[in-house]
């Protein structure tokens, strides 16, 4: 008999419960009431299925802006898609070689992690494809100087895999990355028993083909869970205001209290200490450029 804690019970949401939670105040609508990683309360229907009647409070969650739902007609509706909940670590996966390293995408993942109060641990994958060691050294030094932890690995050769594997035990972790960075191959190298399907990077656009199509949580042992997410080509974080954005850039945040005017967008205001720090090269211009791009998109309500 399968141990009670490992049984799989397929559940549906109780209709009234789903309706009440989806239609929240201020025209905020949830597209997913229960998400991967949630703790739920349910009643059994038969030996293998049940109906969810409540979701426990979350310690944290990751969400993004969802497209307008079919049939929605109310103006001003905002749709939020909760991707996963109750996470200990987020592992943004980047690659070198194919597809090329994209610091702007990484910075967006880091902003989401910071705004959700979840510790990010950056993975540099495909280091066996690095042609110019100076490039990876530059980015490694930049992000570690900010305070982020980085693990450089190769799913192909196995380099760095044993050390990375140790970080997962006893935690619920989420893998997230741009399409084609090798998340599924990396997970297979870490935990071969999962046998996730993998895909090649498209030679046409170098963005990768979507292999993972849904968010899934894989149990490694009793206390270890790994959440795999779809390869993402666009990311639209939800609920971050332009006045708050700089707080989610740790290298900018240390200067915020010294700005002459508050609130300050750290873009054009006189007496801005963030701008002064950029000019002194105390803040890397690549990171400041990421901030300005995100700021502009928030103002335009796009944030892609």
C-alpha atoms as a PDB file:
ATOM      1  CA  UNK A   1       0.000   0.000   0.000  1.00  0.00           C
ATOM      2  CA  UNK A   2       1.215   3.513  -0.839  1.00  0.00           C
ATOM      3  CA  UNK A   3       2.075   5.482   2.349  1.00  0.00           C
ATOM      4  CA  UNK A   4      -0.650   7.999   3.237  1.00  0.00           C
ATOM      5  CA  UNK A   5       1.642  11.021   2.792  1.00  0.00           C
ATOM      6  CA  UNK A   6       2.570   9.943  -0.757  1.00  0.00           C
ATOM      7  CA  UNK A   7      -0.901   9.231  -2.116  1.00  0.00           C
ATOM      8  CA  UNK A   8      -2.016  11.180  -5.171  1.00  0.00           C
ATOM      9  CA  UNK A   9      -5.584  12.436  -4.832  1.00  0.00           C
ATOM     10  CA  UNK A  10      -7.038  14.307  -7.797  1.00  0.00           C
ATOM     11  CA  UNK A  11      -9.157  17.211  -6.584  1.00  0.00           C
ATOM     12  CA  UNK A  12     -11.418  19.881  -8.030  1.00  0.00           C
ATOM     13  CA  UNK A  13     -12.402  23.216  -6.509  1.00  0.00           C
ATOM     14  CA  UNK A  14     -15.788  23.641  -4.901  1.00  0.00           C
ATOM     15  CA  UNK A  15     -17.751  25.942  -7.212  1.00  0.00           C
ATOM     16  CA  UNK A  16     -18.822  28.631  -4.735  1.00  0.00           C
ATOM     17  CA  UNK A  17     -15.370  28.691  -3.136  1.00  0.00           C
ATOM     18  CA  UNK A  18     -13.755  29.224  -6.552  1.00  0.00           C
ATOM     19  CA  UNK A  19     -16.146  32.056  -7.425  1.00  0.00           C
ATOM     20  CA  UNK A  20     -15.723  33.881  -4.097  1.00  0.00           C
ATOM     21  CA  UNK A  21     -11.923  33.871  -4.262  1.00  0.00           C
ATOM     22  CA  UNK A  22     -11.572  34.679  -7.929  1.00  0.00           C
ATOM     23  CA  UNK A  23     -13.619  37.857  -7.713  1.00  0.00           C
ATOM     24  CA  UNK A  24     -11.694  39.971  -5.255  1.00  0.00           C
ATOM     25  CA  UNK A  25     -11.823  43.682  -4.397  1.00  0.00           C
ATOM     26  CA  UNK A  26     -10.575  46.460  -6.653  1.00  0.00           C
ATOM     27  CA  UNK A  27     -11.395  44.465  -9.791  1.00  0.00           C
ATOM     28  CA  UNK A  28      -8.553  42.045  -9.039  1.00  0.00           C
ATOM     29  CA  UNK A  29      -9.320  38.604 -10.425  1.00  0.00           C
ATOM     30  CA  UNK A  30      -7.308  35.455  -9.773  1.00  0.00           C
ATOM     31  CA  UNK A  31      -7.020  33.086 -12.705  1.00  0.00           C
ATOM     32  CA  UNK A  32      -5.850  30.293 -10.399  1.00  0.00           C
ATOM     33  CA  UNK A  33      -7.321  29.965  -6.913  1.00  0.00           C
ATOM     34  CA  UNK A  34      -5.179  27.010  -5.860  1.00  0.00           C
ATOM     35  CA  UNK A  35      -1.606  26.910  -7.148  1.00  0.00           C
ATOM     36  CA  UNK A  36       1.294  24.488  -7.108  1.00  0.00           C
ATOM     37  CA  UNK A  37       2.755  24.452  -3.610  1.00  0.00           C
ATOM     38  CA  UNK A  38      -0.471  25.402  -1.827  1.00  0.00           C
ATOM     39  CA  UNK A  39      -1.670  23.534   1.238  1.00  0.00           C
ATOM     40  CA  UNK A  40      -5.357  22.796   0.755  1.00  0.00           C
ATOM     41  CA  UNK A  41      -8.200  21.288   2.751  1.00  0.00           C
ATOM     42  CA  UNK A  42     -10.474  18.866   0.939  1.00  0.00           C
ATOM     43  CA  UNK A  43     -13.195  16.274   1.344  1.00  0.00           C
ATOM     44  CA  UNK A  44     -12.867  12.842  -0.225  1.00  0.00           C
ATOM     45  CA  UNK A  45     -15.334  11.921  -2.955  1.00  0.00           C
ATOM     46  CA  UNK A  46     -14.032   8.399  -3.467  1.00  0.00           C
ATOM     47  CA  UNK A  47     -10.778   6.521  -2.873  1.00  0.00           C
ATOM     48  CA  UNK A  48      -8.760   8.630  -5.344  1.00  0.00           C
ATOM     49  CA  UNK A  49     -10.515  11.993  -5.731  1.00  0.00           C
ATOM     50  CA  UNK A  50     -11.762  14.889  -3.658  1.00  0.00           C
ATOM     51  CA  UNK A  51     -13.097  18.448  -3.642  1.00  0.00           C
ATOM     52  CA  UNK A  52     -11.101  21.415  -2.260  1.00  0.00           C
ATOM     53  CA  UNK A  53     -13.036  23.669   0.091  1.00  0.00           C
ATOM     54  CA  UNK A  54     -10.258  25.977   1.370  1.00  0.00           C
ATOM     55  CA  UNK A  55      -6.638  27.010   0.784  1.00  0.00           C
ATOM     56  CA  UNK A  56      -4.357  27.738   3.740  1.00  0.00           C
ATOM     57  CA  UNK A  57      -2.668  31.129   4.044  1.00  0.00           C
ATOM     58  CA  UNK A  58       0.525  31.331   1.985  1.00  0.00           C
ATOM     59  CA  UNK A  59       3.892  32.336   3.427  1.00  0.00           C
ATOM     60  CA  UNK A  60       4.744  33.684  -0.039  1.00  0.00           C
ATOM     61  CA  UNK A  61       3.882  33.199  -3.684  1.00  0.00           C
ATOM     62  CA  UNK A  62       5.059  34.030  -7.190  1.00  0.00           C
ATOM     63  CA  UNK A  63       2.590  35.570  -9.607  1.00  0.00           C
ATOM     64  CA  UNK A  64       2.522  37.377 -12.914  1.00  0.00           C
ATOM     65  CA  UNK A  65       0.153  39.440 -14.951  1.00  0.00           C
ATOM     66  CA  UNK A  66      -2.285  37.202 -16.837  1.00  0.00           C
ATOM     67  CA  UNK A  67      -4.010  38.044 -20.109  1.00  0.00           C
ATOM     68  CA  UNK A  68      -7.631  39.118 -20.033  1.00  0.00           C
ATOM     69  CA  UNK A  69      -9.860  36.102 -19.734  1.00  0.00           C
ATOM     70  CA  UNK A  70     -12.338  35.075 -22.401  1.00  0.00           C
ATOM     71  CA  UNK A  71     -15.747  36.581 -21.744  1.00  0.00           C
ATOM     72  CA  UNK A  72     -14.493  39.327 -19.407  1.00  0.00           C
ATOM     73  CA  UNK A  73     -16.227  42.629 -20.075  1.00  0.00           C
ATOM     74  CA  UNK A  74     -15.636  44.836 -17.011  1.00  0.00           C
ATOM     75  CA  UNK A  75     -13.256  47.713 -17.615  1.00  0.00           C
ATOM     76  CA  UNK A  76     -10.293  47.991 -15.304  1.00  0.00           C
ATOM     77  CA  UNK A  77     -10.162  44.307 -14.419  1.00  0.00           C
ATOM     78  CA  UNK A  78      -6.686  43.100 -13.425  1.00  0.00           C
ATOM     79  CA  UNK A  79      -5.862  39.434 -13.823  1.00  0.00           C
ATOM     80  CA  UNK A  80      -3.294  37.777 -11.602  1.00  0.00           C
ATOM     81  CA  UNK A  81      -1.899  34.306 -12.250  1.00  0.00           C
ATOM     82  CA  UNK A  82      -0.328  32.656  -9.212  1.00  0.00           C
ATOM     83  CA  UNK A  83       2.427  30.379 -10.476  1.00  0.00           C
ATOM     84  CA  UNK A  84       3.563  28.712  -7.247  1.00  0.00           C
ATOM     85  CA  UNK A  85       3.313  29.220  -3.490  1.00  0.00           C
ATOM     86  CA  UNK A  86       5.140  28.497  -0.220  1.00  0.00           C
ATOM     87  CA  UNK A  87       8.592  28.453  -1.806  1.00  0.00           C
ATOM     88  CA  UNK A  88      11.924  28.339   0.052  1.00  0.00           C
ATOM     89  CA  UNK A  89      14.254  29.109  -2.856  1.00  0.00           C
ATOM     90  CA  UNK A  90      13.988  30.339  -6.432  1.00  0.00           C
ATOM     91  CA  UNK A  91      16.672  29.134  -8.821  1.00  0.00           C
ATOM     92  CA  UNK A  92      16.816  31.421 -11.886  1.00  0.00           C
ATOM     93  CA  UNK A  93      18.600  29.404 -14.568  1.00  0.00           C
ATOM     94  CA  UNK A  94      20.763  31.226 -17.119  1.00  0.00           C
ATOM     95  CA  UNK A  95      22.870  29.804 -19.914  1.00  0.00           C
ATOM     96  CA  UNK A  96      26.028  30.629 -21.792  1.00  0.00           C
ATOM     97  CA  UNK A  97      26.474  29.657 -25.398  1.00  0.00           C
ATOM     98  CA  UNK A  98      22.986  28.824 -26.680  1.00  0.00           C
ATOM     99  CA  UNK A  99      20.885  30.749 -25.894  1.00  0.00           C
ATOM    100  CA  UNK A 100      23.234  33.576 -24.958  1.00  0.00           C
ATOM    101  CA  UNK A 101      23.249  34.987 -21.434  1.00  0.00           C
ATOM    102  CA  UNK A 102      20.500  37.590 -20.956  1.00  0.00           C
ATOM    103  CA  UNK A 103      21.056  39.750 -17.884  1.00  0.00           C
ATOM    104  CA  UNK A 104      17.819  41.683 -18.436  1.00  0.00           C
ATOM    105  CA  UNK A 105      15.751  38.508 -18.067  1.00  0.00           C
ATOM    106  CA  UNK A 106      17.756  37.506 -14.984  1.00  0.00           C
ATOM    107  CA  UNK A 107      17.170  40.906 -13.402  1.00  0.00           C
ATOM    108  CA  UNK A 108      13.415  40.517 -13.879  1.00  0.00           C
ATOM    109  CA  UNK A 109      13.474  37.129 -12.164  1.00  0.00           C
ATOM    110  CA  UNK A 110      15.480  38.633  -9.311  1.00  0.00           C
ATOM    111  CA  UNK A 111      12.991  41.482  -8.916  1.00  0.00           C
ATOM    112  CA  UNK A 112      10.155  38.971  -8.640  1.00  0.00           C
ATOM    113  CA  UNK A 113      12.066  36.964  -6.030  1.00  0.00           C
ATOM    114  CA  UNK A 114      12.914  40.073  -4.021  1.00  0.00           C
ATOM    115  CA  UNK A 115       9.340  41.387  -4.144  1.00  0.00           C
ATOM    116  CA  UNK A 116       8.040  37.990  -2.960  1.00  0.00           C
ATOM    117  CA  UNK A 117      10.607  37.751  -0.138  1.00  0.00           C
ATOM    118  CA  UNK A 118      12.061  34.516  -1.526  1.00  0.00           C
ATOM    119  CA  UNK A 119      15.808  33.897  -1.604  1.00  0.00           C
ATOM    120  CA  UNK A 120      17.127  33.535  -5.166  1.00  0.00           C
ATOM    121  CA  UNK A 121      20.140  31.378  -5.993  1.00  0.00           C
ATOM    122  CA  UNK A 122      21.394  31.980  -9.533  1.00  0.00           C
ATOM    123  CA  UNK A 123      22.465  29.068 -11.729  1.00  0.00           C
ATOM    124  CA  UNK A 124      24.868  29.613 -14.598  1.00  0.00           C
ATOM    125  CA  UNK A 125      24.262  26.551 -16.801  1.00  0.00           C
ATOM    126  CA  UNK A 126      26.103  25.347 -19.927  1.00  0.00           C
ATOM    127  CA  UNK A 127      29.455  26.621 -18.705  1.00  0.00           C
ATOM    128  CA  UNK A 128      31.040  23.975 -20.942  1.00  0.00           C
ATOM    129  CA  UNK A 129      29.961  26.170 -23.881  1.00  0.00           C
ATOM    130  CA  UNK A 130      31.686  29.309 -22.603  1.00  0.00           C
ATOM    131  CA  UNK A 131      34.063  30.586 -25.288  1.00  0.00           C
ATOM    132  CA  UNK A 132      35.220  33.712 -23.470  1.00  0.00           C
ATOM    133  CA  UNK A 133      35.878  33.139 -19.734  1.00  0.00           C
ATOM    134  CA  UNK A 134      36.035  36.899 -19.237  1.00  0.00           C
ATOM    135  CA  UNK A 135      32.314  37.172 -19.974  1.00  0.00           C
ATOM    136  CA  UNK A 136      31.169  34.711 -17.336  1.00  0.00           C
ATOM    137  CA  UNK A 137      33.679  36.160 -14.866  1.00  0.00           C
ATOM    138  CA  UNK A 138      32.240  39.646 -15.386  1.00  0.00           C
ATOM    139  CA  UNK A 139      28.667  38.575 -14.665  1.00  0.00           C
ATOM    140  CA  UNK A 140      29.713  36.322 -11.799  1.00  0.00           C
ATOM    141  CA  UNK A 141      31.582  39.161 -10.105  1.00  0.00           C
ATOM    142  CA  UNK A 142      28.743  41.625 -10.714  1.00  0.00           C
ATOM    143  CA  UNK A 143      25.993  39.555  -9.125  1.00  0.00           C
ATOM    144  CA  UNK A 144      28.075  38.173  -6.267  1.00  0.00           C
ATOM    145  CA  UNK A 145      29.155  41.729  -5.402  1.00  0.00           C
ATOM    146  CA  UNK A 146      25.469  42.588  -4.970  1.00  0.00           C
ATOM    147  CA  UNK A 147      25.107  39.654  -2.584  1.00  0.00           C
ATOM    148  CA  UNK A 148      23.586  36.940  -4.755  1.00  0.00           C
ATOM    149  CA  UNK A 149      24.785  33.339  -4.616  1.00  0.00           C
ATOM    150  CA  UNK A 150      25.751  31.768  -7.934  1.00  0.00           C
ATOM    151  CA  UNK A 151      26.411  28.152  -8.874  1.00  0.00           C
ATOM    152  CA  UNK A 152      28.160  27.532 -12.198  1.00  0.00           C
ATOM    153  CA  UNK A 153      27.294  24.114 -13.610  1.00  0.00           C
ATOM    154  CA  UNK A 154      27.080  22.009 -16.727  1.00  0.00           C
ATOM    155  CA  UNK A 155      24.243  19.545 -17.104  1.00  0.00           C
ATOM    156  CA  UNK A 156      26.201  17.997 -19.983  1.00  0.00           C
ATOM    157  CA  UNK A 157      29.516  17.322 -18.210  1.00  0.00           C
ATOM    158  CA  UNK A 158      28.222  17.145 -14.638  1.00  0.00           C
ATOM    159  CA  UNK A 159      30.482  19.938 -13.419  1.00  0.00           C
ATOM    160  CA  UNK A 160      29.081  21.551 -10.261  1.00  0.00           C
ATOM    161  CA  UNK A 161      26.072  19.211 -10.104  1.00  0.00           C
ATOM    162  CA  UNK A 162      26.868  17.425  -6.779  1.00  0.00           C
ATOM    163  CA  UNK A 163      27.392  20.734  -4.954  1.00  0.00           C
ATOM    164  CA  UNK A 164      24.183  22.196  -6.376  1.00  0.00           C
ATOM    165  CA  UNK A 165      22.159  19.083  -5.527  1.00  0.00           C
ATOM    166  CA  UNK A 166      22.869  19.505  -1.809  1.00  0.00           C
ATOM    167  CA  UNK A 167      21.023  22.850  -1.745  1.00  0.00           C
ATOM    168  CA  UNK A 168      17.670  21.253  -2.550  1.00  0.00           C
ATOM    169  CA  UNK A 169      17.318  18.740   0.252  1.00  0.00           C
ATOM    170  CA  UNK A 170      14.738  19.646   2.876  1.00  0.00           C
ATOM    171  CA  UNK A 171      13.301  22.536   0.850  1.00  0.00           C
ATOM    172  CA  UNK A 172      10.644  23.419  -1.677  1.00  0.00           C
ATOM    173  CA  UNK A 173      12.465  25.036  -4.596  1.00  0.00           C
ATOM    174  CA  UNK A 174      11.364  26.559  -7.880  1.00  0.00           C
ATOM    175  CA  UNK A 175      13.271  26.406 -11.174  1.00  0.00           C
ATOM    176  CA  UNK A 176      12.672  29.342 -13.469  1.00  0.00           C
ATOM    177  CA  UNK A 177      14.338  30.481 -16.648  1.00  0.00           C
ATOM    178  CA  UNK A 178      14.150  31.652 -20.217  1.00  0.00           C
ATOM    179  CA  UNK A 179      13.280  29.070 -22.871  1.00  0.00           C
ATOM    180  CA  UNK A 180      16.228  26.926 -23.897  1.00  0.00           C
ATOM    181  CA  UNK A 181      18.489  27.524 -20.894  1.00  0.00           C
ATOM    182  CA  UNK A 182      18.428  23.814 -20.077  1.00  0.00           C
ATOM    183  CA  UNK A 183      16.174  23.595 -17.017  1.00  0.00           C
ATOM    184  CA  UNK A 184      14.861  20.118 -17.771  1.00  0.00           C
ATOM    185  CA  UNK A 185      18.322  18.777 -18.638  1.00  0.00           C
ATOM    186  CA  UNK A 186      19.661  20.298 -15.447  1.00  0.00           C
ATOM    187  CA  UNK A 187      16.903  18.772 -13.335  1.00  0.00           C
ATOM    188  CA  UNK A 188      17.592  15.383 -14.933  1.00  0.00           C
ATOM    189  CA  UNK A 189      21.277  15.750 -14.086  1.00  0.00           C
ATOM    190  CA  UNK A 190      20.382  16.605 -10.493  1.00  0.00           C
ATOM    191  CA  UNK A 191      17.672  13.982 -10.062  1.00  0.00           C
ATOM    192  CA  UNK A 192      17.782  11.405 -12.899  1.00  0.00           C
ATOM    193  CA  UNK A 193      14.839   9.496 -11.441  1.00  0.00           C
ATOM    194  CA  UNK A 194      12.468  12.274 -12.562  1.00  0.00           C
ATOM    195  CA  UNK A 195      13.206  11.599 -16.254  1.00  0.00           C
ATOM    196  CA  UNK A 196      11.887  14.936 -17.504  1.00  0.00           C
ATOM    197  CA  UNK A 197      11.568  15.421 -21.260  1.00  0.00           C
ATOM    198  CA  UNK A 198      14.004  17.852 -22.848  1.00  0.00           C
ATOM    199  CA  UNK A 199      14.095  19.871 -26.056  1.00  0.00           C
ATOM    200  CA  UNK A 200      16.657  21.432 -28.342  1.00  0.00           C
ATOM    201  CA  UNK A 201      17.239  25.143 -28.790  1.00  0.00           C
ATOM    202  CA  UNK A 202      15.712  26.440 -31.993  1.00  0.00           C
ATOM    203  CA  UNK A 203      18.439  27.476 -34.432  1.00  0.00           C
ATOM    204  CA  UNK A 204      16.010  29.938 -35.985  1.00  0.00           C
ATOM    205  CA  UNK A 205      15.460  32.251 -33.038  1.00  0.00           C
ATOM    206  CA  UNK A 206      17.785  30.841 -30.351  1.00  0.00           C
ATOM    207  CA  UNK A 207      14.984  31.124 -27.798  1.00  0.00           C
ATOM    208  CA  UNK A 208      14.373  27.454 -27.272  1.00  0.00           C
ATOM    209  CA  UNK A 209      11.313  25.320 -27.729  1.00  0.00           C
ATOM    210  CA  UNK A 210       8.838  25.012 -24.872  1.00  0.00           C
ATOM    211  CA  UNK A 211       9.313  21.557 -23.380  1.00  0.00           C
ATOM    212  CA  UNK A 212       7.598  22.045 -20.022  1.00  0.00           C
ATOM    213  CA  UNK A 213       4.019  23.132 -20.681  1.00  0.00           C
ATOM    214  CA  UNK A 214       2.600  23.282 -17.150  1.00  0.00           C
ATOM    215  CA  UNK A 215       3.938  24.098 -13.708  1.00  0.00           C
ATOM    216  CA  UNK A 216       4.636  20.825 -11.910  1.00  0.00           C
ATOM    217  CA  UNK A 217       5.941  19.892  -8.480  1.00  0.00           C
ATOM    218  CA  UNK A 218       8.164  16.841  -8.190  1.00  0.00           C
ATOM    219  CA  UNK A 219       8.786  15.121  -4.871  1.00  0.00           C
ATOM    220  CA  UNK A 220      12.402  14.050  -4.382  1.00  0.00           C
ATOM    221  CA  UNK A 221      11.968  12.666  -0.860  1.00  0.00           C
ATOM    222  CA  UNK A 222       9.698  13.257   2.115  1.00  0.00           C
ATOM    223  CA  UNK A 223      10.903  16.843   2.702  1.00  0.00           C
ATOM    224  CA  UNK A 224      12.255  17.842  -0.719  1.00  0.00           C
ATOM    225  CA  UNK A 225      10.162  19.244  -3.566  1.00  0.00           C
ATOM    226  CA  UNK A 226      11.226  20.743  -6.871  1.00  0.00           C
ATOM    227  CA  UNK A 227       8.858  22.917  -8.908  1.00  0.00           C
ATOM    228  CA  UNK A 228       9.489  23.090 -12.649  1.00  0.00           C
ATOM    229  CA  UNK A 229       8.025  25.965 -14.661  1.00  0.00           C
ATOM    230  CA  UNK A 230       7.452  26.483 -18.399  1.00  0.00           C
ATOM    231  CA  UNK A 231      10.257  28.066 -20.390  1.00  0.00           C
ATOM    232  CA  UNK A 232       9.397  31.769 -20.417  1.00  0.00           C
ATOM    233  CA  UNK A 233       9.904  34.147 -23.330  1.00  0.00           C
ATOM    234  CA  UNK A 234       8.009  37.066 -21.795  1.00  0.00           C
ATOM    235  CA  UNK A 235       7.492  37.831 -18.148  1.00  0.00           C
ATOM    236  CA  UNK A 236       5.017  40.305 -16.721  1.00  0.00           C
ATOM    237  CA  UNK A 237       5.313  40.487 -12.912  1.00  0.00           C
ATOM    238  CA  UNK A 238       2.158  41.460 -11.076  1.00  0.00           C
ATOM    239  CA  UNK A 239       1.558  44.170  -8.489  1.00  0.00           C
ATOM    240  CA  UNK A 240       4.903  46.015  -8.487  1.00  0.00           C
ATOM    241  CA  UNK A 241       4.490  49.790  -8.402  1.00  0.00           C
ATOM    242  CA  UNK A 242       7.046  52.167  -9.897  1.00  0.00           C
ATOM    243  CA  UNK A 243       7.643  53.838  -6.515  1.00  0.00           C
ATOM    244  CA  UNK A 244       8.625  50.462  -5.065  1.00  0.00           C
ATOM    245  CA  UNK A 245      10.711  49.055  -7.905  1.00  0.00           C
ATOM    246  CA  UNK A 246      14.107  50.333  -6.704  1.00  0.00           C
ATOM    247  CA  UNK A 247      13.626  48.559  -3.363  1.00  0.00           C
ATOM    248  CA  UNK A 248      13.871  45.253  -5.246  1.00  0.00           C
ATOM    249  CA  UNK A 249      17.302  46.157  -6.648  1.00  0.00           C
ATOM    250  CA  UNK A 250      19.557  45.674  -3.577  1.00  0.00           C
ATOM    251  CA  UNK A 251      22.418  47.589  -5.192  1.00  0.00           C
ATOM    252  CA  UNK A 252      20.121  50.590  -5.722  1.00  0.00           C
ATOM    253  CA  UNK A 253      18.207  50.257  -2.459  1.00  0.00           C
ATOM    254  CA  UNK A 254      21.166  51.249  -0.252  1.00  0.00           C
ATOM    255  CA  UNK A 255      21.065  54.775  -1.734  1.00  0.00           C
ATOM    256  CA  UNK A 256      17.332  55.466  -1.630  1.00  0.00           C
ATOM    257  CA  UNK A 257      17.221  57.317   1.674  1.00  0.00           C
ATOM    258  CA  UNK A 258      19.822  59.821   0.469  1.00  0.00           C
ATOM    259  CA  UNK A 259      17.790  61.130  -2.474  1.00  0.00           C
ATOM    260  CA  UNK A 260      16.826  64.785  -2.168  1.00  0.00           C
ATOM    261  CA  UNK A 261      13.192  64.281  -3.143  1.00  0.00           C
ATOM    262  CA  UNK A 262      10.809  61.525  -2.048  1.00  0.00           C
ATOM    263  CA  UNK A 263       9.251  59.767  -3.774  1.00  0.00           C
ATOM    264  CA  UNK A 264      12.003  59.613  -6.365  1.00  0.00           C
ATOM    265  CA  UNK A 265      11.946  57.528  -9.534  1.00  0.00           C
ATOM    266  CA  UNK A 266      15.781  57.692  -9.762  1.00  0.00           C
ATOM    267  CA  UNK A 267      15.515  58.699 -13.361  1.00  0.00           C
ATOM    268  CA  UNK A 268      15.384  62.462 -13.849  1.00  0.00           C
ATOM    269  CA  UNK A 269      14.985  64.091 -10.426  1.00  0.00           C
ATOM    270  CA  UNK A 270      17.718  66.525  -9.241  1.00  0.00           C
ATOM    271  CA  UNK A 271      19.658  65.428  -6.189  1.00  0.00           C
ATOM    272  CA  UNK A 272      19.073  61.715  -6.841  1.00  0.00           C
ATOM    273  CA  UNK A 273      21.720  59.673  -5.016  1.00  0.00           C
ATOM    274  CA  UNK A 274      21.077  56.613  -7.187  1.00  0.00           C
ATOM    275  CA  UNK A 275      21.983  58.579 -10.325  1.00  0.00           C
ATOM    276  CA  UNK A 276      25.023  59.958  -8.543  1.00  0.00           C
ATOM    277  CA  UNK A 277      26.081  56.415  -7.584  1.00  0.00           C
ATOM    278  CA  UNK A 278      25.798  55.335 -11.210  1.00  0.00           C
ATOM    279  CA  UNK A 279      27.950  58.272 -12.277  1.00  0.00           C
ATOM    280  CA  UNK A 280      30.530  57.305  -9.616  1.00  0.00           C
ATOM    281  CA  UNK A 281      30.338  53.708 -10.961  1.00  0.00           C
ATOM    282  CA  UNK A 282      29.218  52.459  -7.548  1.00  0.00           C
ATOM    283  CA  UNK A 283      26.187  51.002  -9.350  1.00  0.00           C
ATOM    284  CA  UNK A 284      26.872  49.014 -12.487  1.00  0.00           C
ATOM    285  CA  UNK A 285      25.304  50.665 -15.575  1.00  0.00           C
ATOM    286  CA  UNK A 286      23.909  47.302 -16.753  1.00  0.00           C
ATOM    287  CA  UNK A 287      21.868  46.980 -13.594  1.00  0.00           C
ATOM    288  CA  UNK A 288      20.726  50.596 -13.755  1.00  0.00           C
ATOM    289  CA  UNK A 289      19.677  50.076 -17.385  1.00  0.00           C
ATOM    290  CA  UNK A 290      17.605  47.064 -16.283  1.00  0.00           C
ATOM    291  CA  UNK A 291      15.960  49.240 -13.661  1.00  0.00           C
ATOM    292  CA  UNK A 292      15.124  52.000 -16.164  1.00  0.00           C
ATOM    293  CA  UNK A 293      13.619  49.533 -18.639  1.00  0.00           C
ATOM    294  CA  UNK A 294      11.420  47.994 -15.983  1.00  0.00           C
ATOM    295  CA  UNK A 295      10.450  51.434 -14.695  1.00  0.00           C
ATOM    296  CA  UNK A 296       9.369  52.539 -18.155  1.00  0.00           C
ATOM    297  CA  UNK A 297       7.265  49.432 -18.667  1.00  0.00           C
ATOM    298  CA  UNK A 298       5.576  49.808 -15.308  1.00  0.00           C
ATOM    299  CA  UNK A 299       4.649  53.374 -16.205  1.00  0.00           C
ATOM    300  CA  UNK A 300       3.197  52.113 -19.479  1.00  0.00           C
ATOM    301  CA  UNK A 301       1.454  49.236 -17.656  1.00  0.00           C
ATOM    302  CA  UNK A 302       3.203  46.734 -19.908  1.00  0.00           C
ATOM    303  CA  UNK A 303       6.066  45.244 -17.859  1.00  0.00           C
ATOM    304  CA  UNK A 304       7.134  42.603 -20.414  1.00  0.00           C
END
